[in-house]
Amino acid sequence: MRELLTTLEAWAGRGERIAIAMLVERRGSAPRDPGAVFALSETGAIAGSVTGGCIEPALVAEAEAVLAGGAPRVLTYGIPDDAAFEIGLACGGTVALVVTELDPALLAPVVAAVAADRPIALAVEVRGEHVGRQTLLELEDVRTARFLPAGENGLVETGDGTAFVLSFASRPRLYVLGAIDHAVALVRVGQLLGYRVTVCDARGAFVTTERFPAADELVVDWPDRFLRSTPIDERTAICVLTHDVKFDVPALLAALDSPALYIGAMGSRTTTAEREERLRAEGVTEADLARIHAPIGLAIGARSPEEVAVAIGAQLVEATAAVRRRLASAATVLS
């Protein structure tokens, strides 16, 4: 829904009522993850998607019914449902969606929080006496504990029903250490993936806005000193591109002392082996070494800075997907 906020804000600004269909559960194969949103304004404008087009035509009628005064509803589409199969959900999965009118009073706070990079969540009740009711949740709310810190979405029990928590977490941080050409490309990929990107290098002549116009932050400092003084959490990615022992080893030692989700280091296999020996000499264990993705990026035959940046981005996606799988395994199932 984050990508729809500008459109939804524009519709609401014109006084238009808005119905949303939010994907709240997926079983088996489906094109989109829980949290995907399809929106319809009362003027007939459409935004977003929940299945890539399979069931959206049917959802238009459901959303129109809600805007015409009908009650919010939870709908299930999937292979066991012959009607759903006829409208195109032939990928083998089942999806559950809640269709309700968006509460316009909650839209502005969400937009403001996202603009300020402040975490907030929207809870939509999907089972119980108040299906479709929406409330805003802050980080400290117990119902967000499983989801908001990790930027994920999911179902939670509320005591008198079930709600779907849609997270608008602050952007995860990507620290790019080493202001080389590969870093220029990686900043763009990081932005595309939704990271708040910082470039750090001890050489001030290389850390300039002219070279890194898309970066959120530029820091002139020794990378290891920077890492020991900057916020790092379980969503943070650290990419060591300095390719110089005097920078690499201290930076990796600092990174390994953090809870960072992803740590990657550039270098050939020979360079990686030599660097690992230096890290072992510093007391780094084999378990710690296993946290370092080196050579950095998925092995897709990348050569140019842009190709390497794509390979690193793919590895970041792979790492965060593991977190999603763990959260999904603990999800409530709608009956």
C-alpha atoms as a PDB file:
ATOM      1  CA  MET A   1       0.000   0.000   0.000  1.00  0.00           C
ATOM      2  CA  ARG A   2       2.969   2.278   0.516  1.00  0.00           C
ATOM      3  CA  GLU A   3       3.302   2.743  -3.245  1.00  0.00           C
ATOM      4  CA  LEU A   4      -0.365   3.824  -3.454  1.00  0.00           C
ATOM      5  CA  LEU A   5      -0.273   6.511  -0.788  1.00  0.00           C
ATOM      6  CA  THR A   6       0.284   9.406  -3.206  1.00  0.00           C
ATOM      7  CA  THR A   7      -2.682   8.299  -5.315  1.00  0.00           C
ATOM      8  CA  LEU A   8      -4.939   7.657  -2.325  1.00  0.00           C
ATOM      9  CA  GLU A   9      -4.014  11.026  -0.831  1.00  0.00           C
ATOM     10  CA  ALA A  10      -4.915  12.736  -4.112  1.00  0.00           C
ATOM     11  CA  TRP A  11      -8.292  10.996  -4.245  1.00  0.00           C
ATOM     12  CA  ALA A  12      -9.047  11.840  -0.635  1.00  0.00           C
ATOM     13  CA  GLY A  13      -7.927  15.435  -1.217  1.00  0.00           C
ATOM     14  CA  ARG A  14     -10.671  15.749  -3.850  1.00  0.00           C
ATOM     15  CA  GLY A  15     -13.207  14.462  -1.351  1.00  0.00           C
ATOM     16  CA  GLU A  16     -13.628  11.086  -3.036  1.00  0.00           C
ATOM     17  CA  ARG A  17     -14.593   8.034  -1.006  1.00  0.00           C
ATOM     18  CA  ILE A  18     -12.277   5.055  -1.449  1.00  0.00           C
ATOM     19  CA  ALA A  19     -12.811   1.318  -1.145  1.00  0.00           C
ATOM     20  CA  ILE A  20      -9.843  -0.977  -0.660  1.00  0.00           C
ATOM     21  CA  ALA A  21      -9.445  -4.720  -1.078  1.00  0.00           C
ATOM     22  CA  MET A  22      -6.494  -5.874   1.014  1.00  0.00           C
ATOM     23  CA  LEU A  23      -4.901  -9.289   0.642  1.00  0.00           C
ATOM     24  CA  VAL A  24      -4.715 -10.637   4.194  1.00  0.00           C
ATOM     25  CA  GLU A  25      -3.838 -14.287   3.676  1.00  0.00           C
ATOM     26  CA  ARG A  26      -2.261 -16.455   0.999  1.00  0.00           C
ATOM     27  CA  ARG A  27      -2.195 -20.238   0.977  1.00  0.00           C
ATOM     28  CA  GLY A  28      -0.085 -21.912  -1.660  1.00  0.00           C
ATOM     29  CA  SER A  29       0.994 -20.077  -4.793  1.00  0.00           C
ATOM     30  CA  ALA A  30      -0.236 -16.571  -5.580  1.00  0.00           C
ATOM     31  CA  PRO A  31       1.298 -13.567  -7.373  1.00  0.00           C
ATOM     32  CA  ARG A  32       1.263 -11.124  -4.431  1.00  0.00           C
ATOM     33  CA  ASP A  33       2.063 -11.253  -0.717  1.00  0.00           C
ATOM     34  CA  PRO A  34      -0.315 -10.350   2.134  1.00  0.00           C
ATOM     35  CA  GLY A  35      -0.512  -6.584   2.401  1.00  0.00           C
ATOM     36  CA  ALA A  36      -1.089  -5.996  -1.308  1.00  0.00           C
ATOM     37  CA  VAL A  37      -3.926  -3.524  -1.900  1.00  0.00           C
ATOM     38  CA  PHE A  38      -6.380  -2.848  -4.702  1.00  0.00           C
ATOM     39  CA  ALA A  39      -8.209   0.482  -4.461  1.00  0.00           C
ATOM     40  CA  LEU A  40     -11.276   1.930  -6.175  1.00  0.00           C
ATOM     41  CA  SER A  41     -12.420   5.540  -5.884  1.00  0.00           C
ATOM     42  CA  GLU A  42     -16.077   6.466  -6.079  1.00  0.00           C
ATOM     43  CA  THR A  43     -15.375   8.018  -9.483  1.00  0.00           C
ATOM     44  CA  GLY A  44     -14.253   4.633 -10.810  1.00  0.00           C
ATOM     45  CA  ALA A  45     -10.488   5.224 -10.750  1.00  0.00           C
ATOM     46  CA  ILE A  46      -8.411   2.132  -9.973  1.00  0.00           C
ATOM     47  CA  ALA A  47      -5.004   1.713  -8.356  1.00  0.00           C
ATOM     48  CA  GLY A  48      -2.945  -1.207  -7.144  1.00  0.00           C
ATOM     49  CA  SER A  49      -3.279  -4.949  -7.510  1.00  0.00           C
ATOM     50  CA  VAL A  50      -3.685  -7.989  -5.276  1.00  0.00           C
ATOM     51  CA  THR A  51      -3.167 -10.814  -7.768  1.00  0.00           C
ATOM     52  CA  GLY A  52      -1.707  -9.207 -10.863  1.00  0.00           C
ATOM     53  CA  GLY A  53      -5.093  -9.047 -12.578  1.00  0.00           C
ATOM     54  CA  CYS A  54      -6.616 -12.480 -11.848  1.00  0.00           C
ATOM     55  CA  ILE A  55      -9.458 -11.431  -9.567  1.00  0.00           C
ATOM     56  CA  GLU A  56      -9.404  -7.641  -9.839  1.00  0.00           C
ATOM     57  CA  PRO A  57     -12.457  -7.528 -12.177  1.00  0.00           C
ATOM     58  CA  ALA A  58     -14.516  -9.308  -9.509  1.00  0.00           C
ATOM     59  CA  LEU A  59     -13.157  -7.004  -6.816  1.00  0.00           C
ATOM     60  CA  VAL A  60     -14.410  -3.940  -8.687  1.00  0.00           C
ATOM     61  CA  ALA A  61     -17.986  -5.129  -8.134  1.00  0.00           C
ATOM     62  CA  GLU A  62     -17.287  -5.922  -4.462  1.00  0.00           C
ATOM     63  CA  ALA A  63     -15.691  -2.510  -3.892  1.00  0.00           C
ATOM     64  CA  GLU A  64     -18.580  -0.762  -5.635  1.00  0.00           C
ATOM     65  CA  ALA A  65     -20.998  -2.605  -3.372  1.00  0.00           C
ATOM     66  CA  VAL A  66     -19.151  -1.361  -0.291  1.00  0.00           C
ATOM     67  CA  LEU A  67     -19.150   2.224  -1.568  1.00  0.00           C
ATOM     68  CA  ALA A  68     -22.893   1.877  -2.250  1.00  0.00           C
ATOM     69  CA  GLY A  69     -23.459   1.188   1.450  1.00  0.00           C
ATOM     70  CA  GLY A  70     -22.828  -2.530   1.667  1.00  0.00           C
ATOM     71  CA  ALA A  71     -21.103  -4.037   4.658  1.00  0.00           C
ATOM     72  CA  PRO A  72     -17.365  -4.744   4.639  1.00  0.00           C
ATOM     73  CA  ARG A  73     -16.660  -8.343   3.762  1.00  0.00           C
ATOM     74  CA  VAL A  74     -13.939 -10.991   3.769  1.00  0.00           C
ATOM     75  CA  LEU A  75     -13.690 -12.914   0.489  1.00  0.00           C
ATOM     76  CA  THR A  76     -11.789 -16.054  -0.403  1.00  0.00           C
ATOM     77  CA  TYR A  77     -10.720 -16.993  -3.918  1.00  0.00           C
ATOM     78  CA  GLY A  78      -8.902 -20.123  -4.938  1.00  0.00           C
ATOM     79  CA  ILE A  79      -8.872 -23.354  -6.860  1.00  0.00           C
ATOM     80  CA  PRO A  80     -11.441 -25.037  -4.561  1.00  0.00           C
ATOM     81  CA  ASP A  81     -13.852 -22.231  -5.458  1.00  0.00           C
ATOM     82  CA  ASP A  82     -15.239 -22.882  -8.944  1.00  0.00           C
ATOM     83  CA  ALA A  83     -16.379 -19.299  -9.333  1.00  0.00           C
ATOM     84  CA  ALA A  84     -12.932 -18.023  -8.435  1.00  0.00           C
ATOM     85  CA  PHE A  85     -11.329 -20.368 -10.935  1.00  0.00           C
ATOM     86  CA  GLU A  86     -13.594 -19.014 -13.638  1.00  0.00           C
ATOM     87  CA  ILE A  87     -12.354 -15.480 -13.004  1.00  0.00           C
ATOM     88  CA  GLY A  88      -8.768 -16.513 -13.429  1.00  0.00           C
ATOM     89  CA  LEU A  89      -6.991 -17.488 -10.193  1.00  0.00           C
ATOM     90  CA  ALA A  90      -5.417 -20.533 -11.773  1.00  0.00           C
ATOM     91  CA  CYS A  91      -2.011 -20.427 -10.045  1.00  0.00           C
ATOM     92  CA  GLY A  92      -2.924 -23.104  -7.531  1.00  0.00           C
ATOM     93  CA  GLY A  93      -3.282 -20.951  -4.428  1.00  0.00           C
ATOM     94  CA  THR A  94      -6.010 -19.475  -2.280  1.00  0.00           C
ATOM     95  CA  VAL A  95      -6.201 -15.845  -1.181  1.00  0.00           C
ATOM     96  CA  ALA A  96      -8.357 -14.122   1.425  1.00  0.00           C
ATOM     97  CA  LEU A  97      -9.137 -10.418   1.166  1.00  0.00           C
ATOM     98  CA  VAL A  98     -10.970  -7.870   3.242  1.00  0.00           C
ATOM     99  CA  VAL A  99     -12.973  -5.284   1.283  1.00  0.00           C
ATOM    100  CA  THR A 100     -13.883  -2.125   3.161  1.00  0.00           C
ATOM    101  CA  GLU A 101     -14.120   1.628   2.787  1.00  0.00           C
ATOM    102  CA  LEU A 102     -10.868   3.327   3.703  1.00  0.00           C
ATOM    103  CA  ASP A 103     -11.182   5.556   6.754  1.00  0.00           C
ATOM    104  CA  PRO A 104     -10.014   8.946   5.415  1.00  0.00           C
ATOM    105  CA  ALA A 105      -9.119  10.175   8.899  1.00  0.00           C
ATOM    106  CA  LEU A 106      -6.353   7.567   9.076  1.00  0.00           C
ATOM    107  CA  LEU A 107      -4.789   8.296   5.704  1.00  0.00           C
ATOM    108  CA  ALA A 108      -3.125  11.606   6.598  1.00  0.00           C
ATOM    109  CA  PRO A 109      -1.336  10.214   9.712  1.00  0.00           C
ATOM    110  CA  VAL A 110      -0.029   7.300   7.671  1.00  0.00           C
ATOM    111  CA  VAL A 111       1.226   9.608   4.913  1.00  0.00           C
ATOM    112  CA  ALA A 112       2.892  11.874   7.497  1.00  0.00           C
ATOM    113  CA  ALA A 113       4.579   8.951   9.253  1.00  0.00           C
ATOM    114  CA  VAL A 114       5.910   7.501   5.994  1.00  0.00           C
ATOM    115  CA  ALA A 115       7.215  10.918   4.923  1.00  0.00           C
ATOM    116  CA  ALA A 116       9.020  11.248   8.261  1.00  0.00           C
ATOM    117  CA  ASP A 117      10.344   7.679   8.042  1.00  0.00           C
ATOM    118  CA  ARG A 118       8.521   6.919  11.299  1.00  0.00           C
ATOM    119  CA  PRO A 119       7.042   3.432  11.799  1.00  0.00           C
ATOM    120  CA  ILE A 120       3.281   3.074  11.975  1.00  0.00           C
ATOM    121  CA  ALA A 121       0.810   0.293  11.232  1.00  0.00           C
ATOM    122  CA  LEU A 122      -2.782   0.060  10.038  1.00  0.00           C
ATOM    123  CA  ALA A 123      -4.859  -2.706  11.612  1.00  0.00           C
ATOM    124  CA  VAL A 124      -7.960  -3.894   9.741  1.00  0.00           C
ATOM    125  CA  GLU A 125     -10.324  -6.261  11.506  1.00  0.00           C
ATOM    126  CA  VAL A 126     -11.033  -9.370   9.422  1.00  0.00           C
ATOM    127  CA  ARG A 127     -12.941 -11.565  11.864  1.00  0.00           C
ATOM    128  CA  GLY A 128     -15.328 -10.702  14.688  1.00  0.00           C
ATOM    129  CA  GLU A 129     -18.114  -8.166  15.163  1.00  0.00           C
ATOM    130  CA  HIS A 130     -16.342  -5.264  13.465  1.00  0.00           C
ATOM    131  CA  VAL A 131     -14.990  -6.595  10.173  1.00  0.00           C
ATOM    132  CA  GLY A 132     -13.460  -3.764   8.170  1.00  0.00           C
ATOM    133  CA  ARG A 133     -12.853  -1.432  11.119  1.00  0.00           C
ATOM    134  CA  GLN A 134      -9.464   0.275  10.941  1.00  0.00           C
ATOM    135  CA  THR A 135      -7.162   1.583  13.650  1.00  0.00           C
ATOM    136  CA  LEU A 136      -3.639   2.968  13.708  1.00  0.00           C
ATOM    137  CA  LEU A 137      -0.976   1.262  15.791  1.00  0.00           C
ATOM    138  CA  GLU A 138       2.332   2.660  16.962  1.00  0.00           C
ATOM    139  CA  LEU A 139       5.542   0.705  17.430  1.00  0.00           C
ATOM    140  CA  GLU A 140       4.971   0.075  21.120  1.00  0.00           C
ATOM    141  CA  ASP A 141       1.559  -1.566  20.588  1.00  0.00           C
ATOM    142  CA  VAL A 142       1.798  -5.251  21.458  1.00  0.00           C
ATOM    143  CA  ARG A 143      -0.075  -6.227  18.315  1.00  0.00           C
ATOM    144  CA  THR A 144       2.746  -4.872  16.145  1.00  0.00           C
ATOM    145  CA  ALA A 145       5.527  -6.660  18.014  1.00  0.00           C
ATOM    146  CA  ARG A 146       5.879  -9.454  15.452  1.00  0.00           C
ATOM    147  CA  PHE A 147       5.559  -7.300  12.369  1.00  0.00           C
ATOM    148  CA  LEU A 148       6.375  -3.615  12.541  1.00  0.00           C
ATOM    149  CA  PRO A 149      10.017  -3.870  13.675  1.00  0.00           C
ATOM    150  CA  ALA A 150      10.700  -6.179  10.715  1.00  0.00           C
ATOM    151  CA  GLY A 151       8.536  -4.237   8.276  1.00  0.00           C
ATOM    152  CA  GLU A 152       6.260  -7.227   7.727  1.00  0.00           C
ATOM    153  CA  ASN A 153       2.493  -7.795   7.733  1.00  0.00           C
ATOM    154  CA  GLY A 154       0.278 -10.485   9.229  1.00  0.00           C
ATOM    155  CA  LEU A 155      -2.755 -11.648  11.164  1.00  0.00           C
ATOM    156  CA  VAL A 156      -3.034 -11.229  14.932  1.00  0.00           C
ATOM    157  CA  GLU A 157      -5.650 -12.204  17.492  1.00  0.00           C
ATOM    158  CA  THR A 158      -7.288  -9.206  19.169  1.00  0.00           C
ATOM    159  CA  GLY A 159      -9.239 -10.895  21.956  1.00  0.00           C
ATOM    160  CA  ASP A 160     -12.610 -10.505  20.256  1.00  0.00           C
ATOM    161  CA  GLY A 161     -11.544 -11.370  16.730  1.00  0.00           C
ATOM    162  CA  THR A 162      -8.671 -11.207  14.275  1.00  0.00           C
ATOM    163  CA  ALA A 163      -7.012  -8.213  12.645  1.00  0.00           C
ATOM    164  CA  PHE A 164      -4.574  -7.860   9.793  1.00  0.00           C
ATOM    165  CA  VAL A 165      -1.639  -5.609  10.637  1.00  0.00           C
ATOM    166  CA  LEU A 166      -0.259  -3.696   7.641  1.00  0.00           C
ATOM    167  CA  SER A 167       3.154  -2.275   8.510  1.00  0.00           C
ATOM    168  CA  PHE A 168       4.604   1.000   7.332  1.00  0.00           C
ATOM    169  CA  ALA A 169       8.005   0.507   8.897  1.00  0.00           C
ATOM    170  CA  SER A 170      10.830   2.991   8.615  1.00  0.00           C
ATOM    171  CA  ARG A 171      13.091   2.123   5.720  1.00  0.00           C
ATOM    172  CA  PRO A 172      15.784  -0.436   6.485  1.00  0.00           C
ATOM    173  CA  ARG A 173      19.312   0.941   6.393  1.00  0.00           C
ATOM    174  CA  LEU A 174      21.896   0.032   3.784  1.00  0.00           C
ATOM    175  CA  TYR A 175      25.456   1.059   4.623  1.00  0.00           C
ATOM    176  CA  VAL A 176      27.738   1.126   1.603  1.00  0.00           C
ATOM    177  CA  LEU A 177      31.351   1.287   2.742  1.00  0.00           C
ATOM    178  CA  GLY A 178      33.756   2.401   0.039  1.00  0.00           C
ATOM    179  CA  ALA A 179      32.914   5.156  -2.448  1.00  0.00           C
ATOM    180  CA  ILE A 180      33.949   3.256  -5.576  1.00  0.00           C
ATOM    181  CA  ASP A 181      32.124   2.984  -8.919  1.00  0.00           C
ATOM    182  CA  HIS A 182      30.290  -0.129  -7.743  1.00  0.00           C
ATOM    183  CA  ALA A 183      28.934   1.921  -4.842  1.00  0.00           C
ATOM    184  CA  VAL A 184      27.378   4.437  -7.257  1.00  0.00           C
ATOM    185  CA  ALA A 185      25.389   1.617  -8.868  1.00  0.00           C
ATOM    186  CA  LEU A 186      24.556  -0.033  -5.538  1.00  0.00           C
ATOM    187  CA  VAL A 187      23.065   3.194  -4.182  1.00  0.00           C
ATOM    188  CA  ARG A 188      20.555   3.173  -7.043  1.00  0.00           C
ATOM    189  CA  VAL A 189      19.683  -0.489  -6.494  1.00  0.00           C
ATOM    190  CA  GLY A 190      19.345   0.072  -2.746  1.00  0.00           C
ATOM    191  CA  GLN A 191      16.949   2.958  -3.307  1.00  0.00           C
ATOM    192  CA  LEU A 192      14.908   0.827  -5.697  1.00  0.00           C
ATOM    193  CA  LEU A 193      14.606  -1.867  -3.022  1.00  0.00           C
ATOM    194  CA  GLY A 194      13.402   0.633  -0.435  1.00  0.00           C
ATOM    195  CA  TYR A 195      16.545   1.125   1.659  1.00  0.00           C
ATOM    196  CA  ARG A 196      17.768   4.296   3.305  1.00  0.00           C
ATOM    197  CA  VAL A 197      21.254   4.352   1.801  1.00  0.00           C
ATOM    198  CA  THR A 198      24.372   5.767   3.435  1.00  0.00           C
ATOM    199  CA  VAL A 199      27.766   5.886   1.704  1.00  0.00           C
ATOM    200  CA  CYS A 200      30.822   6.057   3.963  1.00  0.00           C
ATOM    201  CA  ASP A 201      34.493   6.419   3.024  1.00  0.00           C
ATOM    202  CA  ALA A 202      37.484   7.934   4.771  1.00  0.00           C
ATOM    203  CA  ARG A 203      38.486   9.661   1.541  1.00  0.00           C
ATOM    204  CA  GLY A 204      36.459  12.852   1.395  1.00  0.00           C
ATOM    205  CA  ALA A 205      37.272  13.548  -2.249  1.00  0.00           C
ATOM    206  CA  PHE A 206      35.275  10.462  -3.242  1.00  0.00           C
ATOM    207  CA  VAL A 207      32.219  11.048  -1.036  1.00  0.00           C
ATOM    208  CA  THR A 208      30.470  13.847  -2.896  1.00  0.00           C
ATOM    209  CA  THR A 209      26.919  14.649  -3.869  1.00  0.00           C
ATOM    210  CA  GLU A 210      28.054  14.868  -7.489  1.00  0.00           C
ATOM    211  CA  ARG A 211      29.041  11.185  -7.411  1.00  0.00           C
ATOM    212  CA  PHE A 212      26.180  10.033  -5.186  1.00  0.00           C
ATOM    213  CA  PRO A 213      23.173  12.276  -5.846  1.00  0.00           C
ATOM    214  CA  ALA A 214      20.701   9.528  -4.865  1.00  0.00           C
ATOM    215  CA  ALA A 215      22.256   8.679  -1.483  1.00  0.00           C
ATOM    216  CA  ASP A 216      20.305   9.617   1.622  1.00  0.00           C
ATOM    217  CA  GLU A 217      23.474  10.279   3.604  1.00  0.00           C
ATOM    218  CA  LEU A 218      27.167  10.755   2.874  1.00  0.00           C
ATOM    219  CA  VAL A 219      29.719  10.229   5.629  1.00  0.00           C
ATOM    220  CA  VAL A 220      33.450  10.936   5.608  1.00  0.00           C
ATOM    221  CA  ASP A 221      34.900   8.660   8.277  1.00  0.00           C
ATOM    222  CA  TRP A 222      36.738   5.400   8.746  1.00  0.00           C
ATOM    223  CA  PRO A 223      34.124   2.711   8.037  1.00  0.00           C
ATOM    224  CA  ASP A 224      34.722   0.764  11.254  1.00  0.00           C
ATOM    225  CA  ARG A 225      34.404   3.895  13.392  1.00  0.00           C
ATOM    226  CA  PHE A 226      31.241   4.840  11.534  1.00  0.00           C
ATOM    227  CA  LEU A 227      29.679   1.379  12.087  1.00  0.00           C
ATOM    228  CA  ARG A 228      30.371   1.490  15.812  1.00  0.00           C
ATOM    229  CA  SER A 229      28.539   4.789  16.184  1.00  0.00           C
ATOM    230  CA  THR A 230      25.556   4.446  13.831  1.00  0.00           C
ATOM    231  CA  PRO A 231      22.225   2.641  14.352  1.00  0.00           C
ATOM    232  CA  ILE A 232      22.244  -1.014  13.238  1.00  0.00           C
ATOM    233  CA  ASP A 233      19.331  -3.403  13.726  1.00  0.00           C
ATOM    234  CA  GLU A 234      18.100  -6.764  12.445  1.00  0.00           C
ATOM    235  CA  ARG A 235      17.037  -5.229   9.102  1.00  0.00           C
ATOM    236  CA  THR A 236      20.308  -3.431   8.356  1.00  0.00           C
ATOM    237  CA  ALA A 237      22.491  -4.389   5.400  1.00  0.00           C
ATOM    238  CA  ILE A 238      26.231  -3.657   5.395  1.00  0.00           C
ATOM    239  CA  CYS A 239      28.178  -3.844   2.134  1.00  0.00           C
ATOM    240  CA  VAL A 240      31.952  -3.563   2.433  1.00  0.00           C
ATOM    241  CA  LEU A 241      33.241  -2.460  -0.966  1.00  0.00           C
ATOM    242  CA  THR A 242      36.509  -0.849   0.158  1.00  0.00           C
ATOM    243  CA  HIS A 243      38.574  -3.782  -1.154  1.00  0.00           C
ATOM    244  CA  ASP A 244      41.498  -2.713   1.023  1.00  0.00           C
ATOM    245  CA  VAL A 245      42.680  -4.704   4.049  1.00  0.00           C
ATOM    246  CA  LYS A 246      43.240  -1.654   6.219  1.00  0.00           C
ATOM    247  CA  PHE A 247      39.563  -0.752   5.728  1.00  0.00           C
ATOM    248  CA  ASP A 248      37.968  -4.184   5.211  1.00  0.00           C
ATOM    249  CA  VAL A 249      39.090  -6.070   8.295  1.00  0.00           C
ATOM    250  CA  PRO A 250      38.226  -3.390  10.892  1.00  0.00           C
ATOM    251  CA  ALA A 251      34.896  -2.726   9.170  1.00  0.00           C
ATOM    252  CA  LEU A 252      33.964  -6.411   9.124  1.00  0.00           C
ATOM    253  CA  LEU A 253      34.922  -6.781  12.788  1.00  0.00           C
ATOM    254  CA  ALA A 254      32.576  -3.917  13.613  1.00  0.00           C
ATOM    255  CA  ALA A 255      29.838  -5.360  11.413  1.00  0.00           C
ATOM    256  CA  LEU A 256      30.104  -8.772  13.076  1.00  0.00           C
ATOM    257  CA  ASP A 257      29.638  -7.131  16.476  1.00  0.00           C
ATOM    258  CA  SER A 258      26.228  -5.898  15.286  1.00  0.00           C
ATOM    259  CA  PRO A 259      22.856  -7.625  14.731  1.00  0.00           C
ATOM    260  CA  ALA A 260      22.878  -6.708  11.008  1.00  0.00           C
ATOM    261  CA  LEU A 261      20.763  -8.958   8.803  1.00  0.00           C
ATOM    262  CA  TYR A 262      23.238  -8.881   5.934  1.00  0.00           C
ATOM    263  CA  ILE A 263      26.997  -8.426   5.760  1.00  0.00           C
ATOM    264  CA  GLY A 264      28.736  -8.618   2.382  1.00  0.00           C
ATOM    265  CA  ALA A 265      32.313  -7.981   1.324  1.00  0.00           C
ATOM    266  CA  MET A 266      33.742  -7.424  -2.129  1.00  0.00           C
ATOM    267  CA  GLY A 267      36.813  -9.267  -3.361  1.00  0.00           C
ATOM    268  CA  SER A 268      37.962 -12.213  -5.413  1.00  0.00           C
ATOM    269  CA  ARG A 269      38.022 -15.692  -3.912  1.00  0.00           C
ATOM    270  CA  THR A 270      41.748 -15.284  -3.280  1.00  0.00           C
ATOM    271  CA  THR A 271      41.199 -11.927  -1.583  1.00  0.00           C
ATOM    272  CA  THR A 272      38.323 -13.405   0.415  1.00  0.00           C
ATOM    273  CA  ALA A 273      40.460 -16.318   1.642  1.00  0.00           C
ATOM    274  CA  GLU A 274      43.296 -14.016   2.684  1.00  0.00           C
ATOM    275  CA  ARG A 275      40.875 -11.688   4.444  1.00  0.00           C
ATOM    276  CA  GLU A 276      39.304 -14.607   6.306  1.00  0.00           C
ATOM    277  CA  GLU A 277      42.724 -15.607   7.633  1.00  0.00           C
ATOM    278  CA  ARG A 278      43.238 -12.077   8.929  1.00  0.00           C
ATOM    279  CA  LEU A 279      39.814 -12.175  10.569  1.00  0.00           C
ATOM    280  CA  ARG A 280      40.564 -15.520  12.193  1.00  0.00           C
ATOM    281  CA  ALA A 281      43.752 -14.010  13.575  1.00  0.00           C
ATOM    282  CA  GLU A 282      41.545 -11.353  15.178  1.00  0.00           C
ATOM    283  CA  GLY A 283      39.514 -14.045  16.924  1.00  0.00           C
ATOM    284  CA  VAL A 284      36.621 -14.323  14.487  1.00  0.00           C
ATOM    285  CA  THR A 285      34.929 -17.734  14.660  1.00  0.00           C
ATOM    286  CA  GLU A 286      33.799 -19.903  11.758  1.00  0.00           C
ATOM    287  CA  ALA A 287      30.197 -19.157  12.689  1.00  0.00           C
ATOM    288  CA  ASP A 288      30.926 -15.440  12.401  1.00  0.00           C
ATOM    289  CA  LEU A 289      32.672 -15.906   9.065  1.00  0.00           C
ATOM    290  CA  ALA A 290      29.582 -17.705   7.794  1.00  0.00           C
ATOM    291  CA  ARG A 291      27.628 -14.457   8.291  1.00  0.00           C
ATOM    292  CA  ILE A 292      29.754 -12.713   5.665  1.00  0.00           C
ATOM    293  CA  HIS A 293      28.623 -13.014   2.058  1.00  0.00           C
ATOM    294  CA  ALA A 294      31.914 -13.049   0.192  1.00  0.00           C
ATOM    295  CA  PRO A 295      32.524 -12.660  -2.637  1.00  0.00           C
ATOM    296  CA  ILE A 296      29.556 -10.324  -2.329  1.00  0.00           C
ATOM    297  CA  GLY A 297      26.413 -10.862  -4.417  1.00  0.00           C
ATOM    298  CA  LEU A 298      24.780 -13.857  -6.021  1.00  0.00           C
ATOM    299  CA  ALA A 299      26.982 -15.729  -8.498  1.00  0.00           C
ATOM    300  CA  ILE A 300      25.299 -14.656 -11.735  1.00  0.00           C
ATOM    301  CA  GLY A 301      28.424 -13.854 -13.721  1.00  0.00           C
ATOM    302  CA  ALA A 302      28.245 -10.123 -12.990  1.00  0.00           C
ATOM    303  CA  ARG A 303      31.142  -8.002 -14.247  1.00  0.00           C
ATOM    304  CA  SER A 304      30.193  -4.338 -14.609  1.00  0.00           C
ATOM    305  CA  PRO A 305      29.406  -2.178 -11.544  1.00  0.00           C
ATOM    306  CA  GLU A 306      25.743  -2.207 -12.508  1.00  0.00           C
ATOM    307  CA  GLU A 307      25.659  -5.995 -12.852  1.00  0.00           C
ATOM    308  CA  VAL A 308      27.436  -6.439  -9.521  1.00  0.00           C
ATOM    309  CA  ALA A 309      24.956  -4.069  -7.882  1.00  0.00           C
ATOM    310  CA  VAL A 310      22.072  -6.150  -9.239  1.00  0.00           C
ATOM    311  CA  ALA A 311      23.723  -9.325  -7.887  1.00  0.00           C
ATOM    312  CA  ILE A 312      24.077  -7.708  -4.455  1.00  0.00           C
ATOM    313  CA  GLY A 313      20.480  -6.504  -4.578  1.00  0.00           C
ATOM    314  CA  ALA A 314      19.303 -10.017  -5.383  1.00  0.00           C
ATOM    315  CA  GLN A 315      21.229 -11.364  -2.406  1.00  0.00           C
ATOM    316  CA  LEU A 316      19.630  -8.737  -0.165  1.00  0.00           C
ATOM    317  CA  VAL A 317      16.203  -9.872  -1.358  1.00  0.00           C
ATOM    318  CA  GLU A 318      17.164 -13.473  -0.649  1.00  0.00           C
ATOM    319  CA  ALA A 319      18.243 -12.594   2.903  1.00  0.00           C
ATOM    320  CA  THR A 320      15.077 -10.657   3.724  1.00  0.00           C
ATOM    321  CA  ALA A 321      12.884 -13.400   2.242  1.00  0.00           C
ATOM    322  CA  ALA A 322      14.144 -15.764   4.933  1.00  0.00           C
ATOM    323  CA  VAL A 323      12.765 -13.383   7.563  1.00  0.00           C
ATOM    324  CA  ARG A 324       9.396 -13.320   5.809  1.00  0.00           C
ATOM    325  CA  ARG A 325       9.253 -17.108   5.784  1.00  0.00           C
ATOM    326  CA  ARG A 326       9.898 -17.259   9.524  1.00  0.00           C
ATOM    327  CA  LEU A 327       7.123 -14.770  10.212  1.00  0.00           C
ATOM    328  CA  ALA A 328       4.728 -16.525   7.844  1.00  0.00           C
ATOM    329  CA  SER A 329       5.228 -19.812   9.682  1.00  0.00           C
ATOM    330  CA  ALA A 330       3.803 -18.186  12.821  1.00  0.00           C
ATOM    331  CA  ALA A 331       0.839 -16.546  11.102  1.00  0.00           C
ATOM    332  CA  THR A 332      -2.790 -16.999  12.191  1.00  0.00           C
ATOM    333  CA  VAL A 333      -4.929 -18.825   9.624  1.00  0.00           C
ATOM    334  CA  LEU A 334      -8.394 -17.585   8.781  1.00  0.00           C
ATOM    335  CA  SER A 335     -11.068 -20.256   8.883  1.00  0.00           C
END
